[in-house]
Amino acid sequence: MPTRTAAQHRADASTAYDAYLAQCPARHLLDRIADKWVSLAVNALADGPRRYSDLQRTLASVSQKMLTQTLRHLERDGLVTRTVTPAVPVRVEYELTPLGRSLLPVMRAIKDWAEEHMDEVHTARANYDAPS
């Protein structure tokens, strides 16, 4: 079997994504959706469109800059739509796209798992940090 060059590996990766390859676009997408604010924003949008200020209240401690950046990334990736309604003041709403909705069960499962197992994680951390 002949040896393959890095360029050949990259060419193959563009047709069959492999997140284990450093330059694979799927790896970059995994980086994006693994972000805590992305996970929380997707979960917050589960029940339908929400205004920016409503999302900011729901995602306690998120900065305005981080929420704006997160929503822009989600919009760019096709997971969220942004709708501007001309009014005074202007009304801006965010909503999951069908692609974003397909991600929702995974994000919801991760959030639910974290909430359900937090006591066990606290115990494990305390045991690990205890002096031997």
N, C-alpha and C. Protein backbone atom coordinates (compact mmCIF):
# COMPACT_ATOMS: atom_id res chain seq x y z
N MET A 1 0.85 -1.17 0.00
CA MET A 1 0.00 0.00 0.00
C MET A 1 0.90 1.24 0.00
N PRO A 2 0.71 2.14 -0.96
CA PRO A 2 1.57 3.31 -1.04
C PRO A 2 1.29 4.29 0.10
N THR A 3 2.31 5.02 0.46
CA THR A 3 2.19 6.04 1.49
C THR A 3 1.42 7.23 0.93
N ARG A 4 0.56 7.79 1.76
CA ARG A 4 -0.25 8.93 1.32
C ARG A 4 0.30 10.22 1.91
N THR A 5 0.21 11.26 1.15
CA THR A 5 0.71 12.56 1.61
C THR A 5 -0.35 13.24 2.47
N ALA A 6 0.07 14.26 3.18
CA ALA A 6 -0.86 15.04 4.01
C ALA A 6 -1.93 15.68 3.13
N ALA A 7 -1.54 16.12 1.94
CA ALA A 7 -2.51 16.74 1.02
C ALA A 7 -3.58 15.74 0.61
N GLN A 8 -3.18 14.50 0.40
CA GLN A 8 -4.15 13.46 0.05
C GLN A 8 -5.10 13.20 1.22
N HIS A 9 -4.56 13.18 2.43
CA HIS A 9 -5.41 13.00 3.61
C HIS A 9 -6.41 14.14 3.74
N ARG A 10 -5.96 15.37 3.50
CA ARG A 10 -6.87 16.52 3.58
C ARG A 10 -7.94 16.44 2.50
N ALA A 11 -7.56 16.03 1.32
CA ALA A 11 -8.54 15.90 0.24
C ALA A 11 -9.61 14.88 0.59
N ASP A 12 -9.19 13.76 1.18
CA ASP A 12 -10.15 12.75 1.60
C ASP A 12 -11.04 13.26 2.73
N ALA A 13 -10.46 14.03 3.63
CA ALA A 13 -11.22 14.55 4.76
C ALA A 13 -12.31 15.51 4.31
N SER A 14 -12.10 16.19 3.19
CA SER A 14 -13.12 17.13 2.74
C SER A 14 -14.35 16.41 2.21
N THR A 15 -14.22 15.16 1.84
CA THR A 15 -15.38 14.40 1.38
C THR A 15 -15.93 13.48 2.45
N ALA A 16 -15.08 13.00 3.32
CA ALA A 16 -15.51 12.16 4.44
C ALA A 16 -14.91 12.77 5.70
N TYR A 17 -15.68 13.58 6.39
CA TYR A 17 -15.16 14.31 7.54
C TYR A 17 -14.70 13.35 8.64
N ASP A 18 -13.58 13.68 9.24
CA ASP A 18 -13.01 12.89 10.32
C ASP A 18 -12.48 13.88 11.36
N ALA A 19 -13.23 14.04 12.43
CA ALA A 19 -12.89 15.04 13.44
C ALA A 19 -11.57 14.75 14.15
N TYR A 20 -11.02 13.57 13.97
CA TYR A 20 -9.72 13.27 14.57
C TYR A 20 -8.58 13.91 13.79
N LEU A 21 -8.83 14.34 12.57
CA LEU A 21 -7.81 15.04 11.79
C LEU A 21 -7.80 16.51 12.17
N ALA A 22 -6.63 17.06 12.37
CA ALA A 22 -6.49 18.43 12.88
C ALA A 22 -7.19 19.48 12.03
N GLN A 23 -7.15 19.34 10.72
CA GLN A 23 -7.72 20.36 9.85
C GLN A 23 -9.16 20.08 9.42
N CYS A 24 -9.77 19.08 9.97
CA CYS A 24 -11.13 18.71 9.58
C CYS A 24 -12.12 19.78 10.06
N PRO A 25 -13.00 20.25 9.17
CA PRO A 25 -14.00 21.24 9.57
C PRO A 25 -14.92 20.73 10.68
N ALA A 26 -15.14 19.43 10.73
CA ALA A 26 -15.99 18.88 11.79
C ALA A 26 -15.37 19.12 13.16
N ARG A 27 -14.06 19.14 13.24
CA ARG A 27 -13.38 19.41 14.52
C ARG A 27 -13.68 20.84 14.97
N HIS A 28 -13.67 21.75 14.02
CA HIS A 28 -13.96 23.15 14.36
C HIS A 28 -15.42 23.31 14.79
N LEU A 29 -16.30 22.56 14.16
CA LEU A 29 -17.71 22.59 14.57
C LEU A 29 -17.87 22.00 15.97
N LEU A 30 -17.14 20.94 16.26
CA LEU A 30 -17.19 20.37 17.61
C LEU A 30 -16.70 21.38 18.65
N ASP A 31 -15.64 22.11 18.31
CA ASP A 31 -15.16 23.16 19.21
C ASP A 31 -16.27 24.16 19.49
N ARG A 32 -17.00 24.54 18.45
CA ARG A 32 -18.06 25.53 18.59
C ARG A 32 -19.19 25.00 19.47
N ILE A 33 -19.70 23.81 19.18
CA ILE A 33 -20.88 23.33 19.90
C ILE A 33 -20.53 22.83 21.30
N ALA A 34 -19.23 22.63 21.58
CA ALA A 34 -18.83 22.22 22.92
C ALA A 34 -18.75 23.40 23.89
N ASP A 35 -18.86 24.60 23.38
CA ASP A 35 -18.80 25.81 24.21
C ASP A 35 -20.01 25.85 25.15
N LYS A 36 -19.78 26.19 26.40
CA LYS A 36 -20.89 26.20 27.38
C LYS A 36 -21.99 27.18 27.00
N TRP A 37 -21.62 28.34 26.44
CA TRP A 37 -22.65 29.32 26.10
C TRP A 37 -23.49 28.85 24.92
N VAL A 38 -22.87 28.14 23.99
CA VAL A 38 -23.63 27.58 22.87
C VAL A 38 -24.64 26.57 23.39
N SER A 39 -24.18 25.68 24.25
CA SER A 39 -25.07 24.67 24.83
C SER A 39 -26.24 25.31 25.55
N LEU A 40 -25.95 26.30 26.37
CA LEU A 40 -27.01 26.96 27.14
C LEU A 40 -27.94 27.77 26.24
N ALA A 41 -27.39 28.43 25.22
CA ALA A 41 -28.22 29.22 24.31
C ALA A 41 -29.15 28.33 23.50
N VAL A 42 -28.64 27.22 23.01
CA VAL A 42 -29.48 26.28 22.25
C VAL A 42 -30.60 25.76 23.14
N ASN A 43 -30.28 25.39 24.37
CA ASN A 43 -31.31 24.92 25.30
C ASN A 43 -32.33 26.02 25.60
N ALA A 44 -31.86 27.26 25.73
CA ALA A 44 -32.76 28.37 26.05
C ALA A 44 -33.72 28.66 24.90
N LEU A 45 -33.33 28.31 23.69
CA LEU A 45 -34.17 28.56 22.52
C LEU A 45 -35.08 27.37 22.18
N ALA A 46 -35.08 26.37 23.02
CA ALA A 46 -35.84 25.13 22.76
C ALA A 46 -37.34 25.37 22.59
N ASP A 47 -37.88 26.30 23.34
CA ASP A 47 -39.33 26.50 23.33
C ASP A 47 -39.81 27.54 22.32
N GLY A 48 -38.92 28.01 21.48
CA GLY A 48 -39.33 28.97 20.47
C GLY A 48 -38.52 30.24 20.50
N PRO A 49 -38.92 31.22 19.68
CA PRO A 49 -38.15 32.46 19.56
C PRO A 49 -38.05 33.20 20.89
N ARG A 50 -36.88 33.82 21.08
CA ARG A 50 -36.67 34.61 22.30
C ARG A 50 -35.95 35.89 21.93
N ARG A 51 -36.28 36.94 22.66
CA ARG A 51 -35.60 38.22 22.47
C ARG A 51 -34.22 38.17 23.13
N TYR A 52 -33.35 39.04 22.65
CA TYR A 52 -31.98 39.11 23.16
C TYR A 52 -31.98 39.32 24.67
N SER A 53 -32.76 40.28 25.14
CA SER A 53 -32.77 40.60 26.58
C SER A 53 -33.29 39.42 27.40
N ASP A 54 -34.21 38.67 26.86
CA ASP A 54 -34.73 37.49 27.54
C ASP A 54 -33.65 36.42 27.64
N LEU A 55 -32.90 36.23 26.57
CA LEU A 55 -31.79 35.27 26.59
C LEU A 55 -30.74 35.69 27.60
N GLN A 56 -30.45 36.98 27.66
CA GLN A 56 -29.44 37.47 28.59
C GLN A 56 -29.86 37.23 30.04
N ARG A 57 -31.15 37.40 30.33
CA ARG A 57 -31.64 37.11 31.68
C ARG A 57 -31.57 35.62 32.00
N THR A 58 -31.91 34.80 31.02
CA THR A 58 -31.91 33.35 31.23
C THR A 58 -30.50 32.81 31.43
N LEU A 59 -29.56 33.31 30.64
CA LEU A 59 -28.18 32.83 30.73
C LEU A 59 -27.42 33.68 31.75
N ALA A 60 -27.71 33.45 32.98
CA ALA A 60 -27.14 34.24 34.07
C ALA A 60 -25.62 34.30 33.95
N SER A 61 -25.08 35.46 34.11
CA SER A 61 -23.66 35.80 34.12
C SER A 61 -23.00 35.85 32.75
N VAL A 62 -23.74 35.65 31.66
CA VAL A 62 -23.14 35.83 30.34
C VAL A 62 -23.00 37.33 30.07
N SER A 63 -21.86 37.72 29.56
CA SER A 63 -21.67 39.13 29.23
C SER A 63 -22.37 39.43 27.91
N GLN A 64 -22.66 40.69 27.71
CA GLN A 64 -23.30 41.12 26.47
C GLN A 64 -22.44 40.75 25.28
N LYS A 65 -21.14 40.96 25.39
CA LYS A 65 -20.21 40.64 24.31
C LYS A 65 -20.24 39.15 23.99
N MET A 66 -20.20 38.31 25.01
CA MET A 66 -20.17 36.86 24.80
C MET A 66 -21.48 36.35 24.22
N LEU A 67 -22.61 36.88 24.69
CA LEU A 67 -23.89 36.45 24.15
C LEU A 67 -24.02 36.87 22.68
N THR A 68 -23.62 38.09 22.37
CA THR A 68 -23.67 38.56 20.98
C THR A 68 -22.79 37.69 20.10
N GLN A 69 -21.58 37.41 20.55
CA GLN A 69 -20.64 36.59 19.79
C GLN A 69 -21.19 35.18 19.59
N THR A 70 -21.75 34.61 20.64
CA THR A 70 -22.31 33.25 20.56
C THR A 70 -23.47 33.20 19.57
N LEU A 71 -24.38 34.16 19.64
CA LEU A 71 -25.52 34.18 18.73
C LEU A 71 -25.08 34.40 17.28
N ARG A 72 -24.07 35.22 17.06
CA ARG A 72 -23.56 35.44 15.71
C ARG A 72 -22.95 34.16 15.14
N HIS A 73 -22.19 33.45 15.97
CA HIS A 73 -21.61 32.18 15.52
C HIS A 73 -22.70 31.16 15.20
N LEU A 74 -23.71 31.09 16.04
CA LEU A 74 -24.81 30.16 15.79
C LEU A 74 -25.56 30.52 14.51
N GLU A 75 -25.71 31.80 14.27
CA GLU A 75 -26.38 32.25 13.05
C GLU A 75 -25.53 31.91 11.83
N ARG A 76 -24.24 32.16 11.92
CA ARG A 76 -23.33 31.87 10.80
C ARG A 76 -23.32 30.39 10.47
N ASP A 77 -23.39 29.54 11.49
CA ASP A 77 -23.37 28.09 11.29
C ASP A 77 -24.73 27.53 10.88
N GLY A 78 -25.73 28.39 10.78
CA GLY A 78 -27.04 27.95 10.34
C GLY A 78 -27.88 27.30 11.41
N LEU A 79 -27.53 27.51 12.67
CA LEU A 79 -28.26 26.89 13.78
C LEU A 79 -29.34 27.81 14.34
N VAL A 80 -29.21 29.10 14.11
CA VAL A 80 -30.12 30.11 14.66
C VAL A 80 -30.45 31.12 13.57
N THR A 81 -31.68 31.60 13.59
CA THR A 81 -32.04 32.74 12.73
C THR A 81 -32.27 33.95 13.61
N ARG A 82 -31.95 35.09 13.06
CA ARG A 82 -32.13 36.37 13.74
C ARG A 82 -33.17 37.16 12.95
N THR A 83 -34.24 37.57 13.63
CA THR A 83 -35.30 38.32 12.98
C THR A 83 -35.41 39.70 13.62
N VAL A 84 -35.30 40.73 12.79
CA VAL A 84 -35.40 42.11 13.27
C VAL A 84 -36.77 42.64 12.85
N THR A 85 -37.55 43.10 13.83
CA THR A 85 -38.85 43.69 13.57
C THR A 85 -38.75 45.19 13.81
N PRO A 86 -39.01 45.98 12.76
CA PRO A 86 -38.91 47.43 12.96
C PRO A 86 -40.01 47.92 13.91
N ALA A 87 -39.58 48.49 14.97
CA ALA A 87 -40.48 49.06 15.98
C ALA A 87 -39.66 50.04 16.78
N VAL A 88 -40.28 50.65 17.75
CA VAL A 88 -39.55 51.54 18.66
C VAL A 88 -39.75 51.00 20.07
N PRO A 89 -38.73 50.42 20.67
CA PRO A 89 -37.41 50.11 20.12
C PRO A 89 -37.48 48.92 19.16
N VAL A 90 -36.41 48.73 18.39
CA VAL A 90 -36.33 47.62 17.44
C VAL A 90 -36.42 46.31 18.21
N ARG A 91 -37.19 45.38 17.66
CA ARG A 91 -37.37 44.07 18.31
C ARG A 91 -36.52 43.04 17.55
N VAL A 92 -35.62 42.37 18.26
CA VAL A 92 -34.76 41.34 17.68
C VAL A 92 -35.04 40.03 18.39
N GLU A 93 -35.35 39.00 17.60
CA GLU A 93 -35.61 37.68 18.16
C GLU A 93 -34.70 36.65 17.51
N TYR A 94 -34.38 35.64 18.30
CA TYR A 94 -33.55 34.54 17.83
C TYR A 94 -34.35 33.26 17.95
N GLU A 95 -34.16 32.37 16.96
CA GLU A 95 -34.90 31.13 16.93
C GLU A 95 -34.03 30.03 16.32
N LEU A 96 -34.19 28.81 16.81
CA LEU A 96 -33.46 27.69 16.24
C LEU A 96 -33.99 27.39 14.84
N THR A 97 -33.08 27.09 13.94
CA THR A 97 -33.44 26.63 12.60
C THR A 97 -33.72 25.13 12.69
N PRO A 98 -34.20 24.51 11.63
CA PRO A 98 -34.33 23.05 11.65
C PRO A 98 -33.01 22.34 11.98
N LEU A 99 -31.91 22.87 11.45
CA LEU A 99 -30.60 22.30 11.78
C LEU A 99 -30.30 22.46 13.27
N GLY A 100 -30.60 23.63 13.82
CA GLY A 100 -30.40 23.86 15.26
C GLY A 100 -31.29 22.96 16.10
N ARG A 101 -32.51 22.73 15.65
CA ARG A 101 -33.43 21.83 16.37
C ARG A 101 -32.90 20.40 16.38
N SER A 102 -32.20 20.02 15.30
CA SER A 102 -31.64 18.66 15.27
C SER A 102 -30.53 18.48 16.29
N LEU A 103 -29.89 19.58 16.69
CA LEU A 103 -28.84 19.55 17.71
C LEU A 103 -29.42 19.56 19.13
N LEU A 104 -30.64 20.03 19.27
CA LEU A 104 -31.26 20.22 20.58
C LEU A 104 -31.28 18.97 21.46
N PRO A 105 -31.65 17.79 20.97
CA PRO A 105 -31.68 16.62 21.86
C PRO A 105 -30.31 16.31 22.49
N VAL A 106 -29.25 16.52 21.72
CA VAL A 106 -27.90 16.27 22.23
C VAL A 106 -27.57 17.28 23.32
N MET A 107 -27.83 18.56 23.05
CA MET A 107 -27.54 19.61 24.02
C MET A 107 -28.38 19.46 25.28
N ARG A 108 -29.64 19.10 25.10
CA ARG A 108 -30.51 18.91 26.25
C ARG A 108 -30.02 17.74 27.09
N ALA A 109 -29.59 16.67 26.45
CA ALA A 109 -29.09 15.50 27.18
C ALA A 109 -27.84 15.85 27.99
N ILE A 110 -26.95 16.63 27.41
CA ILE A 110 -25.73 17.01 28.13
C ILE A 110 -26.07 17.89 29.33
N LYS A 111 -26.95 18.86 29.13
CA LYS A 111 -27.37 19.74 30.23
C LYS A 111 -28.04 18.93 31.34
N ASP A 112 -28.97 18.04 30.96
CA ASP A 112 -29.66 17.22 31.95
C ASP A 112 -28.69 16.31 32.69
N TRP A 113 -27.73 15.73 31.95
CA TRP A 113 -26.74 14.86 32.58
C TRP A 113 -25.94 15.63 33.62
N ALA A 114 -25.49 16.83 33.26
CA ALA A 114 -24.69 17.66 34.19
C ALA A 114 -25.49 17.98 35.45
N GLU A 115 -26.76 18.34 35.28
CA GLU A 115 -27.58 18.67 36.45
C GLU A 115 -27.83 17.43 37.31
N GLU A 116 -28.05 16.30 36.67
CA GLU A 116 -28.36 15.06 37.40
C GLU A 116 -27.16 14.51 38.16
N HIS A 117 -25.96 14.67 37.64
CA HIS A 117 -24.78 14.04 38.23
C HIS A 117 -23.85 15.00 38.97
N MET A 118 -24.30 16.23 39.19
CA MET A 118 -23.42 17.21 39.82
C MET A 118 -23.00 16.80 41.22
N ASP A 119 -23.90 16.21 42.01
CA ASP A 119 -23.52 15.78 43.36
C ASP A 119 -22.41 14.73 43.31
N GLU A 120 -22.50 13.80 42.37
CA GLU A 120 -21.46 12.77 42.23
C GLU A 120 -20.12 13.39 41.82
N VAL A 121 -20.18 14.38 40.96
CA VAL A 121 -18.95 15.06 40.53
C VAL A 121 -18.34 15.82 41.70
N HIS A 122 -19.18 16.49 42.49
CA HIS A 122 -18.66 17.18 43.68
C HIS A 122 -17.97 16.20 44.62
N THR A 123 -18.57 15.05 44.83
CA THR A 123 -17.98 14.02 45.70
C THR A 123 -16.65 13.54 45.13
N ALA A 124 -16.61 13.27 43.83
CA ALA A 124 -15.37 12.80 43.19
C ALA A 124 -14.27 13.86 43.31
N ARG A 125 -14.64 15.12 43.12
CA ARG A 125 -13.65 16.20 43.24
C ARG A 125 -13.11 16.29 44.66
N ALA A 126 -14.01 16.20 45.63
CA ALA A 126 -13.58 16.27 47.04
C ALA A 126 -12.64 15.11 47.37
N ASN A 127 -12.98 13.92 46.90
CA ASN A 127 -12.11 12.76 47.14
C ASN A 127 -10.75 12.92 46.48
N TYR A 128 -10.74 13.43 45.28
CA TYR A 128 -9.50 13.64 44.55
C TYR A 128 -8.62 14.68 45.23
N ASP A 129 -9.25 15.76 45.70
CA ASP A 129 -8.51 16.87 46.31
C ASP A 129 -8.13 16.63 47.76
N ALA A 130 -8.69 15.60 48.38
CA ALA A 130 -8.39 15.31 49.79
C ALA A 130 -6.94 14.87 49.93
N PRO A 131 -6.31 15.31 51.00
CA PRO A 131 -4.91 14.88 51.21
C PRO A 131 -4.84 13.38 51.42
N SER A 132 -3.81 12.77 50.87
CA SER A 132 -3.66 11.31 50.96
C SER A 132 -3.07 10.89 52.27
